């Protein structure tokens, strides 16, 4: 009797290829960055590190990052013509590459964004981990650790006793379960940045309440990025 064979397929993101690491993950890093900026940028400086520095042109990562900065999803057919669409949208961008950053993940990208219409700017460093999975590891010089696959809250607040517990309590009263929390600060009693991943979305009224606290400087909310 012959043995029954089985085939196991890896299920990845619905995307425009050729590679989930070099396209889907790259689009998602850009998607996270524009949500942190709060708008689509007018100017972008994009730095590819290590393996990305050697392959970003051949594997389409350059088009993918530009497409993400335009707000396109991973399966948007416009990714293939992202450069043309960027020109139409007035997005100015520059590519840089660093091939020997030994302390960084092989597939690392830094995006420095500016929106001249609002005056806002941000710098985000992300890693493409494969299968469309990403990690954001730095935001505006603050170490970070979130995937953008969950609802994410970024809170800048005074580094004061009880602040973390208080914000966690407010989120809990909104029936949001905290999946992960990463807190970063540049110095004692300086501004601390909290990166909070939640299993569900947070209500606008809760965000408004947190924003009006005198010791909270900034709130950024990033819904789940597909």
N, C-alpha and C. Protein backbone atom coordinates (compact mmCIF):
# COMPACT_ATOMS: atom_id res chain seq x y z
N UNK A 1 0.85 -1.20 0.00
CA UNK A 1 0.00 0.00 0.00
C UNK A 1 0.88 1.24 0.00
N UNK A 2 0.66 2.09 -0.95
CA UNK A 2 1.51 3.28 -1.05
C UNK A 2 1.18 4.26 0.06
N UNK A 3 2.21 4.92 0.56
CA UNK A 3 2.01 5.93 1.58
C UNK A 3 1.45 7.19 0.94
N UNK A 4 0.56 7.83 1.68
CA UNK A 4 0.00 9.09 1.19
C UNK A 4 0.98 10.22 1.46
N UNK A 5 1.27 10.97 0.46
CA UNK A 5 2.18 12.09 0.63
C UNK A 5 1.39 13.36 0.84
N UNK A 6 2.00 14.33 1.46
CA UNK A 6 1.34 15.61 1.69
C UNK A 6 2.30 16.73 1.34
N UNK A 7 1.71 17.83 0.93
CA UNK A 7 2.51 19.00 0.55
C UNK A 7 2.14 20.14 1.49
N UNK A 8 3.15 20.74 2.07
CA UNK A 8 2.92 21.86 2.98
C UNK A 8 3.37 23.13 2.30
N UNK A 9 2.47 24.09 2.20
CA UNK A 9 2.78 25.36 1.58
C UNK A 9 2.95 26.43 2.66
N UNK A 10 3.93 27.29 2.46
CA UNK A 10 4.08 28.43 3.35
C UNK A 10 3.12 29.52 2.88
N UNK A 11 2.29 29.99 3.79
CA UNK A 11 1.34 31.03 3.45
C UNK A 11 1.95 32.38 3.79
N UNK A 12 2.14 33.20 2.79
CA UNK A 12 2.70 34.52 2.98
C UNK A 12 1.68 35.59 2.67
N UNK A 13 2.09 36.84 2.68
CA UNK A 13 1.14 37.92 2.42
C UNK A 13 0.71 37.97 0.96
N UNK A 14 -0.49 38.47 0.71
CA UNK A 14 -0.91 38.76 -0.66
C UNK A 14 -0.13 39.99 -1.08
N UNK A 15 0.62 39.87 -2.18
CA UNK A 15 1.58 40.93 -2.47
C UNK A 15 1.94 40.94 -3.94
N UNK A 16 2.60 42.05 -4.32
CA UNK A 16 3.29 42.14 -5.59
C UNK A 16 4.73 41.71 -5.33
N UNK A 17 5.25 40.75 -6.11
CA UNK A 17 6.57 40.16 -5.88
C UNK A 17 7.71 41.07 -6.30
N UNK A 18 8.93 40.49 -6.30
CA UNK A 18 9.20 39.06 -6.32
C UNK A 18 9.41 38.40 -4.97
N UNK A 19 9.59 39.16 -3.90
CA UNK A 19 9.99 38.56 -2.64
C UNK A 19 9.26 39.23 -1.50
N UNK A 20 8.80 38.41 -0.54
CA UNK A 20 8.11 38.99 0.62
C UNK A 20 9.05 39.85 1.45
N UNK A 21 10.31 39.43 1.53
CA UNK A 21 11.29 40.22 2.30
C UNK A 21 11.62 41.53 1.61
N UNK A 22 11.77 41.48 0.28
CA UNK A 22 12.26 42.64 -0.45
C UNK A 22 11.15 43.55 -0.97
N UNK A 23 9.91 43.07 -0.94
CA UNK A 23 8.81 43.93 -1.40
C UNK A 23 7.76 44.12 -0.30
N UNK A 24 7.06 43.06 0.08
CA UNK A 24 5.97 43.21 1.06
C UNK A 24 6.46 43.80 2.37
N UNK A 25 7.55 43.27 2.90
CA UNK A 25 8.09 43.80 4.15
C UNK A 25 8.51 45.25 4.02
N UNK A 26 9.08 45.58 2.88
CA UNK A 26 9.54 46.95 2.65
C UNK A 26 8.37 47.91 2.57
N UNK A 27 7.30 47.51 1.86
CA UNK A 27 6.10 48.34 1.80
C UNK A 27 5.55 48.58 3.20
N UNK A 28 5.55 47.55 4.03
CA UNK A 28 4.98 47.67 5.38
C UNK A 28 5.84 48.57 6.28
N UNK A 29 7.15 48.55 6.11
CA UNK A 29 8.01 49.48 6.86
C UNK A 29 7.65 50.92 6.50
N UNK A 30 7.49 51.18 5.20
CA UNK A 30 7.11 52.52 4.77
C UNK A 30 5.72 52.89 5.29
N UNK A 31 4.79 51.93 5.29
CA UNK A 31 3.44 52.19 5.79
C UNK A 31 3.47 52.60 7.26
N UNK A 32 4.29 51.92 8.04
CA UNK A 32 4.43 52.29 9.45
C UNK A 32 5.01 53.70 9.58
N UNK A 33 6.00 54.01 8.75
CA UNK A 33 6.68 55.30 8.84
C UNK A 33 5.74 56.46 8.53
N UNK A 34 4.89 56.31 7.50
CA UNK A 34 4.00 57.43 7.17
C UNK A 34 2.92 57.60 8.22
N UNK A 35 2.56 56.54 8.91
CA UNK A 35 1.60 56.68 10.00
C UNK A 35 2.23 57.38 11.20
N UNK A 36 3.50 57.15 11.42
CA UNK A 36 4.21 57.87 12.48
C UNK A 36 4.34 59.35 12.10
N UNK A 37 4.64 59.63 10.84
CA UNK A 37 4.72 61.01 10.36
C UNK A 37 3.37 61.70 10.46
N UNK A 38 2.31 60.95 10.20
CA UNK A 38 0.97 61.51 10.25
C UNK A 38 0.44 61.99 8.92
N UNK A 39 1.19 61.76 7.85
CA UNK A 39 0.78 62.20 6.51
C UNK A 39 1.71 61.57 5.49
N UNK A 40 1.39 61.76 4.22
CA UNK A 40 2.31 61.33 3.18
C UNK A 40 3.43 62.37 3.07
N UNK A 41 4.68 61.93 2.95
CA UNK A 41 5.80 62.87 2.94
C UNK A 41 5.93 63.58 1.60
N UNK A 42 6.60 64.72 1.65
CA UNK A 42 6.99 65.40 0.41
C UNK A 42 8.45 65.11 0.07
N UNK A 43 9.25 64.74 1.09
CA UNK A 43 10.66 64.44 0.89
C UNK A 43 11.02 63.18 1.68
N UNK A 44 11.87 62.35 1.10
CA UNK A 44 12.31 61.12 1.78
C UNK A 44 13.76 60.81 1.44
N UNK A 45 14.52 60.47 2.46
CA UNK A 45 15.86 59.92 2.26
C UNK A 45 15.82 58.48 2.77
N UNK A 46 16.14 57.53 1.90
CA UNK A 46 15.98 56.11 2.19
C UNK A 46 17.35 55.45 2.15
N UNK A 47 17.73 54.80 3.26
CA UNK A 47 19.03 54.14 3.34
C UNK A 47 18.82 52.64 3.49
N UNK A 48 19.42 51.88 2.57
CA UNK A 48 19.38 50.42 2.62
C UNK A 48 20.69 49.91 3.23
N UNK A 49 20.59 48.95 4.14
CA UNK A 49 21.77 48.43 4.83
C UNK A 49 22.01 46.95 4.48
N UNK A 50 23.27 46.59 4.51
CA UNK A 50 23.72 45.20 4.42
C UNK A 50 23.18 44.50 3.18
N UNK A 51 22.46 43.39 3.33
CA UNK A 51 21.97 42.65 2.16
C UNK A 51 21.09 43.53 1.27
N UNK A 52 20.25 44.34 1.89
CA UNK A 52 19.41 45.25 1.12
C UNK A 52 20.24 46.21 0.28
N UNK A 53 21.38 46.64 0.81
CA UNK A 53 22.22 47.59 0.09
C UNK A 53 22.73 47.00 -1.22
N UNK A 54 22.88 45.68 -1.27
CA UNK A 54 23.41 45.02 -2.47
C UNK A 54 22.32 44.56 -3.43
N UNK A 55 21.09 44.46 -2.94
CA UNK A 55 20.05 43.83 -3.77
C UNK A 55 18.82 44.69 -4.01
N UNK A 56 18.75 45.89 -3.41
CA UNK A 56 17.48 46.61 -3.42
C UNK A 56 17.01 46.99 -4.82
N UNK A 57 17.93 47.25 -5.74
CA UNK A 57 17.52 47.61 -7.10
C UNK A 57 17.02 46.38 -7.87
N UNK A 58 17.77 45.29 -7.81
CA UNK A 58 17.40 44.09 -8.56
C UNK A 58 16.14 43.43 -8.06
N UNK A 59 15.87 43.53 -6.77
CA UNK A 59 14.70 42.87 -6.17
C UNK A 59 13.50 43.80 -6.02
N UNK A 60 13.62 45.02 -6.47
CA UNK A 60 12.47 45.92 -6.45
C UNK A 60 12.18 46.58 -5.12
N UNK A 61 13.13 46.52 -4.18
CA UNK A 61 12.89 47.15 -2.89
C UNK A 61 12.81 48.67 -3.01
N UNK A 62 13.48 49.24 -4.01
CA UNK A 62 13.41 50.68 -4.21
C UNK A 62 12.00 51.11 -4.60
N UNK A 63 11.38 50.34 -5.50
CA UNK A 63 10.00 50.65 -5.89
C UNK A 63 9.04 50.39 -4.72
N UNK A 64 9.32 49.34 -3.97
CA UNK A 64 8.44 48.97 -2.86
C UNK A 64 8.43 50.04 -1.77
N UNK A 65 9.59 50.58 -1.43
CA UNK A 65 9.63 51.58 -0.36
C UNK A 65 8.93 52.86 -0.80
N UNK A 66 9.12 53.25 -2.07
CA UNK A 66 8.45 54.44 -2.59
C UNK A 66 6.94 54.22 -2.62
N UNK A 67 6.51 53.04 -3.04
CA UNK A 67 5.08 52.73 -3.06
C UNK A 67 4.48 52.83 -1.67
N UNK A 68 5.18 52.29 -0.68
CA UNK A 68 4.69 52.38 0.70
C UNK A 68 4.59 53.81 1.18
N UNK A 69 5.52 54.65 0.77
CA UNK A 69 5.49 56.06 1.16
C UNK A 69 4.34 56.80 0.49
N UNK A 70 3.85 56.25 -0.61
CA UNK A 70 2.68 56.82 -1.29
C UNK A 70 1.37 56.30 -0.70
N UNK A 71 1.48 55.38 0.26
CA UNK A 71 0.29 54.83 0.91
C UNK A 71 -0.27 53.60 0.27
N UNK A 72 0.48 52.95 -0.65
CA UNK A 72 -0.02 51.77 -1.34
C UNK A 72 0.10 50.53 -0.44
N UNK A 73 -0.81 49.59 -0.62
CA UNK A 73 -0.78 48.32 0.11
C UNK A 73 0.17 47.34 -0.57
N UNK A 74 0.44 46.23 0.10
CA UNK A 74 1.42 45.26 -0.41
C UNK A 74 0.97 44.59 -1.70
N UNK A 75 -0.34 44.58 -1.98
CA UNK A 75 -0.84 43.91 -3.18
C UNK A 75 -1.27 44.90 -4.26
N UNK A 76 -0.87 46.14 -4.13
CA UNK A 76 -1.27 47.18 -5.10
C UNK A 76 -0.42 47.07 -6.36
N UNK A 77 -1.06 46.92 -7.49
CA UNK A 77 -0.34 46.76 -8.75
C UNK A 77 0.46 48.00 -9.13
N UNK A 78 0.15 49.13 -8.53
CA UNK A 78 0.88 50.36 -8.82
C UNK A 78 2.31 50.33 -8.30
N UNK A 79 2.65 49.34 -7.46
CA UNK A 79 4.01 49.22 -6.94
C UNK A 79 5.01 49.15 -8.09
N UNK A 80 4.66 48.44 -9.14
CA UNK A 80 5.58 48.26 -10.27
C UNK A 80 5.96 49.59 -10.92
N UNK A 81 5.06 50.56 -10.85
CA UNK A 81 5.31 51.87 -11.48
C UNK A 81 5.40 52.97 -10.43
N UNK A 82 5.89 52.62 -9.24
CA UNK A 82 5.89 53.56 -8.12
C UNK A 82 6.68 54.84 -8.42
N UNK A 83 7.76 54.72 -9.17
CA UNK A 83 8.55 55.91 -9.46
C UNK A 83 7.75 56.93 -10.26
N UNK A 84 6.99 56.44 -11.22
CA UNK A 84 6.15 57.34 -12.01
C UNK A 84 5.08 58.00 -11.15
N UNK A 85 4.47 57.21 -10.27
CA UNK A 85 3.43 57.75 -9.40
C UNK A 85 4.00 58.76 -8.39
N UNK A 86 5.24 58.51 -7.93
CA UNK A 86 5.88 59.44 -7.00
C UNK A 86 6.10 60.80 -7.67
N UNK A 87 6.50 60.76 -8.93
CA UNK A 87 6.71 62.01 -9.67
C UNK A 87 5.40 62.78 -9.80
N UNK A 88 4.32 62.06 -10.10
CA UNK A 88 3.01 62.70 -10.21
C UNK A 88 2.56 63.28 -8.87
N UNK A 89 2.90 62.60 -7.77
CA UNK A 89 2.48 63.04 -6.45
C UNK A 89 3.38 64.13 -5.87
N UNK A 90 4.53 64.38 -6.50
CA UNK A 90 5.45 65.39 -6.00
C UNK A 90 6.33 64.91 -4.87
N UNK A 91 6.47 63.60 -4.73
CA UNK A 91 7.36 63.05 -3.69
C UNK A 91 8.80 63.05 -4.20
N UNK A 92 9.66 63.74 -3.49
CA UNK A 92 11.08 63.76 -3.82
C UNK A 92 11.81 62.78 -2.90
N UNK A 93 12.63 61.91 -3.47
CA UNK A 93 13.28 60.88 -2.67
C UNK A 93 14.72 60.67 -3.14
N UNK A 94 15.53 60.19 -2.19
CA UNK A 94 16.94 59.90 -2.45
C UNK A 94 17.26 58.54 -1.84
N UNK A 95 18.00 57.71 -2.59
CA UNK A 95 18.43 56.42 -2.07
C UNK A 95 19.90 56.48 -1.65
N UNK A 96 20.20 55.82 -0.53
CA UNK A 96 21.56 55.64 -0.06
C UNK A 96 21.74 54.17 0.31
N UNK A 97 22.99 53.71 0.36
CA UNK A 97 23.24 52.32 0.73
C UNK A 97 24.48 52.22 1.60
N UNK A 98 24.41 51.35 2.60
CA UNK A 98 25.52 51.06 3.50
C UNK A 98 25.64 49.54 3.58
N UNK A 99 26.69 48.99 2.99
CA UNK A 99 26.78 47.55 2.85
C UNK A 99 27.44 46.81 3.98
N UNK A 100 27.97 47.50 4.99
CA UNK A 100 28.75 46.81 6.03
C UNK A 100 28.39 47.27 7.43
N UNK A 101 27.11 47.44 7.71
CA UNK A 101 26.67 47.82 9.05
C UNK A 101 26.50 46.56 9.88
N UNK A 102 27.57 46.13 10.51
CA UNK A 102 27.62 44.81 11.14
C UNK A 102 26.67 44.67 12.32
N UNK A 103 26.28 45.77 12.94
CA UNK A 103 25.40 45.68 14.11
C UNK A 103 23.93 45.63 13.73
N UNK A 104 23.64 45.73 12.45
CA UNK A 104 22.25 45.78 12.00
C UNK A 104 21.82 44.47 11.35
N UNK A 105 20.52 44.21 11.41
CA UNK A 105 19.92 43.06 10.73
C UNK A 105 20.24 43.16 9.23
N UNK A 106 20.40 42.02 8.53
CA UNK A 106 20.75 42.06 7.11
C UNK A 106 19.78 42.87 6.25
N UNK A 107 18.50 42.83 6.58
CA UNK A 107 17.51 43.53 5.77
C UNK A 107 16.96 44.73 6.55
N UNK A 108 17.76 45.77 6.64
CA UNK A 108 17.40 46.96 7.42
C UNK A 108 17.26 48.16 6.50
N UNK A 109 16.27 48.98 6.80
CA UNK A 109 16.03 50.22 6.05
C UNK A 109 15.82 51.36 7.05
N UNK A 110 16.41 52.50 6.74
CA UNK A 110 16.12 53.73 7.48
C UNK A 110 15.42 54.70 6.55
N UNK A 111 14.30 55.24 6.99
CA UNK A 111 13.59 56.24 6.20
C UNK A 111 13.53 57.54 7.00
N UNK A 112 13.99 58.61 6.39
CA UNK A 112 13.93 59.95 6.97
C UNK A 112 12.93 60.74 6.15
N UNK A 113 11.83 61.12 6.79
CA UNK A 113 10.71 61.70 6.08
C UNK A 113 10.44 63.13 6.54
N UNK A 114 9.94 63.94 5.62
CA UNK A 114 9.55 65.30 5.93
C UNK A 114 8.33 65.67 5.11
N UNK A 115 7.41 66.35 5.75
CA UNK A 115 6.23 66.88 5.05
C UNK A 115 6.30 68.40 5.15
N UNK A 116 6.64 69.03 4.06
CA UNK A 116 6.79 70.49 4.08
C UNK A 116 5.46 71.20 4.32
N UNK A 117 4.35 70.55 4.06
CA UNK A 117 3.04 71.18 4.26
C UNK A 117 2.73 71.35 5.73
N UNK A 118 3.18 70.41 6.56
CA UNK A 118 2.88 70.47 7.99
C UNK A 118 4.10 70.84 8.83
N UNK A 119 5.29 70.69 8.26
CA UNK A 119 6.51 70.91 9.02
C UNK A 119 6.93 69.71 9.84
N UNK A 120 6.21 68.61 9.74
CA UNK A 120 6.52 67.42 10.52
C UNK A 120 7.64 66.61 9.86
N UNK A 121 8.41 65.93 10.68
CA UNK A 121 9.49 65.07 10.19
C UNK A 121 9.65 63.89 11.14
N UNK A 122 10.17 62.79 10.61
CA UNK A 122 10.44 61.62 11.45
C UNK A 122 11.54 60.78 10.82
N UNK A 123 12.17 59.97 11.65
CA UNK A 123 13.18 59.01 11.19
C UNK A 123 12.85 57.66 11.78
N UNK A 124 12.68 56.66 10.91
CA UNK A 124 12.25 55.33 11.33
C UNK A 124 13.21 54.30 10.77
N UNK A 125 13.64 53.36 11.63
CA UNK A 125 14.48 52.25 11.20
C UNK A 125 13.69 50.96 11.36
N UNK A 126 13.60 50.19 10.27
CA UNK A 126 12.84 48.95 10.30
C UNK A 126 13.62 47.79 9.72
N UNK A 127 13.21 46.60 10.10
CA UNK A 127 13.82 45.36 9.61
C UNK A 127 12.75 44.52 8.91
N UNK A 128 13.08 43.97 7.75
CA UNK A 128 12.19 43.04 7.06
C UNK A 128 12.64 41.63 7.40
N UNK A 129 11.80 40.90 8.12
CA UNK A 129 12.21 39.62 8.69
C UNK A 129 11.85 38.41 7.84
N UNK A 130 11.14 38.61 6.72
CA UNK A 130 10.72 37.49 5.89
C UNK A 130 9.23 37.25 6.02
N UNK A 131 8.60 36.81 4.93
CA UNK A 131 7.18 36.54 4.95
C UNK A 131 6.33 37.78 5.14
N UNK A 132 6.90 38.95 4.88
CA UNK A 132 6.17 40.20 5.08
C UNK A 132 6.22 40.71 6.51
N UNK A 133 6.86 39.97 7.41
CA UNK A 133 6.95 40.36 8.82
C UNK A 133 8.03 41.43 8.99
N UNK A 134 7.72 42.47 9.77
CA UNK A 134 8.69 43.53 10.01
C UNK A 134 8.84 43.78 11.50
N UNK A 135 9.92 44.46 11.86
CA UNK A 135 10.10 45.01 13.20
C UNK A 135 10.55 46.45 13.03
N UNK A 136 9.90 47.35 13.71
CA UNK A 136 10.38 48.73 13.81
C UNK A 136 11.27 48.80 15.03
N UNK A 137 12.54 49.15 14.84
CA UNK A 137 13.52 49.06 15.93
C UNK A 137 14.01 50.43 16.42
N UNK A 138 13.63 51.49 15.73
CA UNK A 138 14.01 52.82 16.21
C UNK A 138 13.08 53.86 15.59
N UNK A 139 12.68 54.82 16.41
CA UNK A 139 11.85 55.94 15.94
C UNK A 139 12.40 57.23 16.52
N UNK A 140 12.88 58.11 15.67
CA UNK A 140 13.39 59.41 16.09
C UNK A 140 14.48 59.29 17.16
N UNK A 141 15.31 58.28 17.01
CA UNK A 141 16.41 58.09 17.95
C UNK A 141 16.06 57.29 19.18
N UNK A 142 14.79 56.99 19.38
CA UNK A 142 14.38 56.15 20.51
C UNK A 142 14.37 54.68 20.07
N UNK A 143 15.08 53.80 20.77
CA UNK A 143 14.96 52.36 20.48
C UNK A 143 13.51 51.92 20.59
N UNK A 144 13.09 51.04 19.70
CA UNK A 144 11.70 50.57 19.67
C UNK A 144 11.70 49.07 19.40
N UNK A 145 10.52 48.47 19.52
CA UNK A 145 10.38 47.04 19.21
C UNK A 145 8.90 46.74 19.01
N UNK A 146 8.40 46.97 17.79
CA UNK A 146 7.02 46.61 17.50
C UNK A 146 6.91 46.19 16.04
N UNK A 147 5.84 45.43 15.74
CA UNK A 147 5.73 44.77 14.45
C UNK A 147 4.75 45.46 13.49
N UNK A 148 3.92 46.37 14.00
CA UNK A 148 2.85 47.00 13.22
C UNK A 148 1.79 46.02 12.77
N UNK A 149 1.84 44.79 13.24
CA UNK A 149 0.79 43.81 12.94
C UNK A 149 -0.33 43.86 13.97
N UNK A 150 -0.12 44.61 15.04
CA UNK A 150 -1.13 44.86 16.06
C UNK A 150 -1.38 46.37 16.13
N UNK A 151 -2.46 46.76 16.77
CA UNK A 151 -2.71 48.18 17.01
C UNK A 151 -1.60 48.71 17.92
N UNK A 152 -1.00 49.82 17.53
CA UNK A 152 0.18 50.32 18.24
C UNK A 152 -0.04 51.76 18.69
N UNK A 153 0.29 52.02 19.94
CA UNK A 153 0.20 53.35 20.52
C UNK A 153 1.61 53.81 20.90
N UNK A 154 1.98 55.00 20.44
CA UNK A 154 3.27 55.59 20.79
C UNK A 154 3.00 56.81 21.65
N UNK A 155 3.54 56.80 22.86
CA UNK A 155 3.26 57.86 23.83
C UNK A 155 4.57 58.51 24.26
N UNK A 156 4.68 59.82 24.07
CA UNK A 156 5.79 60.60 24.61
C UNK A 156 5.29 61.28 25.87
N UNK A 157 5.93 60.99 26.99
CA UNK A 157 5.46 61.55 28.26
C UNK A 157 6.66 61.82 29.17
N UNK A 158 6.43 62.68 30.16
CA UNK A 158 7.48 62.93 31.14
C UNK A 158 7.85 61.64 31.84
N UNK A 159 9.13 61.47 32.11
CA UNK A 159 9.62 60.29 32.83
C UNK A 159 9.36 60.50 34.32
N UNK A 160 8.14 60.19 34.72
CA UNK A 160 7.73 60.43 36.11
C UNK A 160 7.16 59.16 36.71
N UNK A 161 7.24 59.08 38.02
CA UNK A 161 6.79 57.88 38.73
C UNK A 161 5.30 57.63 38.47
N UNK A 162 4.99 56.39 38.10
CA UNK A 162 3.61 55.98 37.93
C UNK A 162 3.01 56.25 36.56
N UNK A 163 3.77 56.90 35.66
CA UNK A 163 3.20 57.27 34.36
C UNK A 163 2.87 56.04 33.51
N UNK A 164 3.75 55.05 33.52
CA UNK A 164 3.52 53.85 32.72
C UNK A 164 2.29 53.09 33.22
N UNK A 165 2.21 52.93 34.53
CA UNK A 165 1.08 52.22 35.13
C UNK A 165 -0.22 52.96 34.86
N UNK A 166 -0.18 54.29 34.91
CA UNK A 166 -1.39 55.07 34.69
C UNK A 166 -1.91 54.89 33.26
N UNK A 167 -1.01 55.00 32.28
CA UNK A 167 -1.43 54.84 30.88
C UNK A 167 -1.93 53.43 30.63
N UNK A 168 -1.27 52.44 31.21
CA UNK A 168 -1.73 51.05 31.07
C UNK A 168 -3.13 50.88 31.66
N UNK A 169 -3.40 51.57 32.77
CA UNK A 169 -4.72 51.48 33.40
C UNK A 169 -5.79 52.11 32.52
N UNK A 170 -5.47 53.25 31.90
CA UNK A 170 -6.43 53.91 31.01
C UNK A 170 -6.77 52.99 29.83
N UNK A 171 -5.74 52.37 29.26
CA UNK A 171 -5.96 51.46 28.14
C UNK A 171 -6.82 50.27 28.57
N UNK A 172 -6.55 49.75 29.76
CA UNK A 172 -7.33 48.61 30.26
C UNK A 172 -8.79 48.97 30.44
N UNK A 173 -9.07 50.19 30.88
CA UNK A 173 -10.46 50.62 31.07
C UNK A 173 -11.18 50.80 29.74
N UNK A 174 -10.43 50.84 28.66
CA UNK A 174 -11.02 50.89 27.32
C UNK A 174 -11.20 49.49 26.75
N UNK A 175 -11.03 48.47 27.61
CA UNK A 175 -11.16 47.07 27.22
C UNK A 175 -10.14 46.66 26.17
N UNK A 176 -8.99 47.31 26.16
CA UNK A 176 -7.89 46.94 25.27
C UNK A 176 -6.88 46.11 26.04
N UNK A 177 -6.51 44.98 25.48
CA UNK A 177 -5.50 44.15 26.10
C UNK A 177 -4.13 44.49 25.55
N UNK A 178 -3.18 44.82 26.42
CA UNK A 178 -1.83 45.14 25.99
C UNK A 178 -1.07 43.85 25.70
N UNK A 179 -0.58 43.73 24.47
CA UNK A 179 0.19 42.54 24.08
C UNK A 179 1.66 42.71 24.42
N UNK A 180 2.23 43.87 24.08
CA UNK A 180 3.63 44.15 24.42
C UNK A 180 3.76 45.63 24.77
N UNK A 181 4.77 45.93 25.56
CA UNK A 181 5.09 47.33 25.85
C UNK A 181 6.61 47.47 25.89
N UNK A 182 7.11 48.48 25.21
CA UNK A 182 8.55 48.76 25.17
C UNK A 182 8.72 50.24 25.52
N UNK A 183 9.52 50.52 26.54
CA UNK A 183 9.71 51.89 27.01
C UNK A 183 11.16 52.30 26.79
N UNK A 184 11.33 53.47 26.21
CA UNK A 184 12.66 53.97 25.89
C UNK A 184 12.79 55.41 26.36
N UNK A 185 13.93 55.77 26.87
CA UNK A 185 14.17 57.16 27.26
C UNK A 185 15.61 57.53 26.97
N UNK A 186 15.83 58.81 26.77
CA UNK A 186 17.17 59.26 26.43
C UNK A 186 17.98 59.64 27.67
N UNK A 187 17.31 59.74 28.81
CA UNK A 187 18.00 60.06 30.05
C UNK A 187 17.02 60.09 31.20
N UNK A 188 17.52 59.96 32.41
CA UNK A 188 16.66 59.96 33.59
C UNK A 188 15.95 61.30 33.72
N UNK A 189 14.65 61.24 34.02
CA UNK A 189 13.80 62.42 34.16
C UNK A 189 13.66 63.20 32.87
N UNK A 190 14.02 62.59 31.75
CA UNK A 190 13.82 63.19 30.44
C UNK A 190 12.50 62.64 29.87
N UNK A 191 12.14 63.02 28.67
CA UNK A 191 10.94 62.48 28.04
C UNK A 191 11.15 60.99 27.73
N UNK A 192 10.19 60.18 28.09
CA UNK A 192 10.22 58.75 27.80
C UNK A 192 9.22 58.46 26.69
N UNK A 193 9.53 57.48 25.86
CA UNK A 193 8.63 57.09 24.78
C UNK A 193 8.18 55.65 25.02
N UNK A 194 6.87 55.46 25.04
CA UNK A 194 6.28 54.15 25.24
C UNK A 194 5.71 53.64 23.92
N UNK A 195 6.07 52.41 23.57
CA UNK A 195 5.54 51.75 22.39
C UNK A 195 4.66 50.61 22.89
N UNK A 196 3.36 50.73 22.68
CA UNK A 196 2.40 49.80 23.26
C UNK A 196 1.63 49.10 22.15
N UNK A 197 1.73 47.78 22.07
CA UNK A 197 0.97 47.00 21.10
C UNK A 197 -0.25 46.41 21.78
N UNK A 198 -1.42 46.56 21.11
CA UNK A 198 -2.68 46.13 21.70
C UNK A 198 -3.41 45.17 20.76
N UNK A 199 -4.19 44.27 21.34
CA UNK A 199 -4.92 43.29 20.54
C UNK A 199 -6.11 43.90 19.80
N UNK A 200 -6.60 45.02 20.26
CA UNK A 200 -7.74 45.66 19.62
C UNK A 200 -7.52 47.16 19.57
N UNK A 201 -8.37 47.83 18.79
CA UNK A 201 -8.22 49.27 18.64
C UNK A 201 -8.64 50.03 19.88
N UNK A 202 -8.19 51.27 19.95
CA UNK A 202 -8.49 52.13 21.10
C UNK A 202 -9.48 53.21 20.66
N UNK A 203 -10.40 53.60 21.54
CA UNK A 203 -11.44 54.55 21.19
C UNK A 203 -10.89 55.97 21.05
N UNK A 204 -11.42 56.75 20.12
CA UNK A 204 -10.98 58.15 19.97
C UNK A 204 -11.09 58.95 21.27
N UNK A 205 -12.13 58.72 22.07
CA UNK A 205 -12.30 59.46 23.31
C UNK A 205 -11.16 59.17 24.29
N UNK A 206 -10.65 57.94 24.25
CA UNK A 206 -9.52 57.58 25.12
C UNK A 206 -8.26 58.28 24.66
N UNK A 207 -8.05 58.33 23.34
CA UNK A 207 -6.89 59.06 22.81
C UNK A 207 -6.97 60.54 23.17
N UNK A 208 -8.16 61.11 23.07
CA UNK A 208 -8.33 62.53 23.42
C UNK A 208 -8.02 62.76 24.89
N UNK A 209 -8.44 61.84 25.75
CA UNK A 209 -8.18 61.97 27.18
C UNK A 209 -6.67 61.94 27.46
N UNK A 210 -5.97 60.99 26.83
CA UNK A 210 -4.53 60.89 27.05
C UNK A 210 -3.81 62.14 26.53
N UNK A 211 -4.27 62.68 25.41
CA UNK A 211 -3.61 63.85 24.83
C UNK A 211 -3.75 65.09 25.72
N UNK A 212 -4.81 65.18 26.51
CA UNK A 212 -5.00 66.38 27.31
C UNK A 212 -4.26 66.34 28.65
N UNK A 213 -3.61 65.22 28.97
CA UNK A 213 -2.83 65.15 30.20
C UNK A 213 -1.62 66.07 30.10
N UNK A 214 -1.37 66.86 31.12
CA UNK A 214 -0.33 67.89 31.06
C UNK A 214 1.07 67.29 30.89
N UNK A 215 1.28 66.06 31.32
CA UNK A 215 2.61 65.46 31.26
C UNK A 215 2.78 64.55 30.04
N UNK A 216 1.78 64.49 29.18
CA UNK A 216 1.87 63.76 27.92
C UNK A 216 2.13 64.75 26.80
N UNK A 217 3.20 64.53 26.04
CA UNK A 217 3.61 65.48 25.01
C UNK A 217 3.08 65.12 23.63
N UNK A 218 2.94 63.83 23.35
CA UNK A 218 2.51 63.41 22.02
C UNK A 218 1.92 62.02 22.07
N UNK A 219 0.86 61.81 21.29
CA UNK A 219 0.25 60.50 21.12
C UNK A 219 0.18 60.18 19.63
N UNK A 220 0.70 59.03 19.24
CA UNK A 220 0.58 58.56 17.86
C UNK A 220 -0.10 57.21 17.91
N UNK A 221 -1.17 57.07 17.14
CA UNK A 221 -1.89 55.80 17.10
C UNK A 221 -1.78 55.20 15.71
N UNK A 222 -1.32 53.94 15.64
CA UNK A 222 -1.16 53.24 14.37
C UNK A 222 -2.05 52.00 14.38
N UNK A 223 -3.18 52.06 13.67
CA UNK A 223 -4.00 50.83 13.55
C UNK A 223 -3.21 49.73 12.86
N UNK A 224 -3.69 48.51 12.98
CA UNK A 224 -3.03 47.37 12.36
C UNK A 224 -2.75 47.61 10.89
N UNK A 225 -1.51 47.30 10.47
CA UNK A 225 -1.12 47.41 9.07
C UNK A 225 -1.18 46.01 8.46
N UNK A 226 -2.04 45.81 7.48
CA UNK A 226 -2.19 44.49 6.84
C UNK A 226 -1.01 44.21 5.92
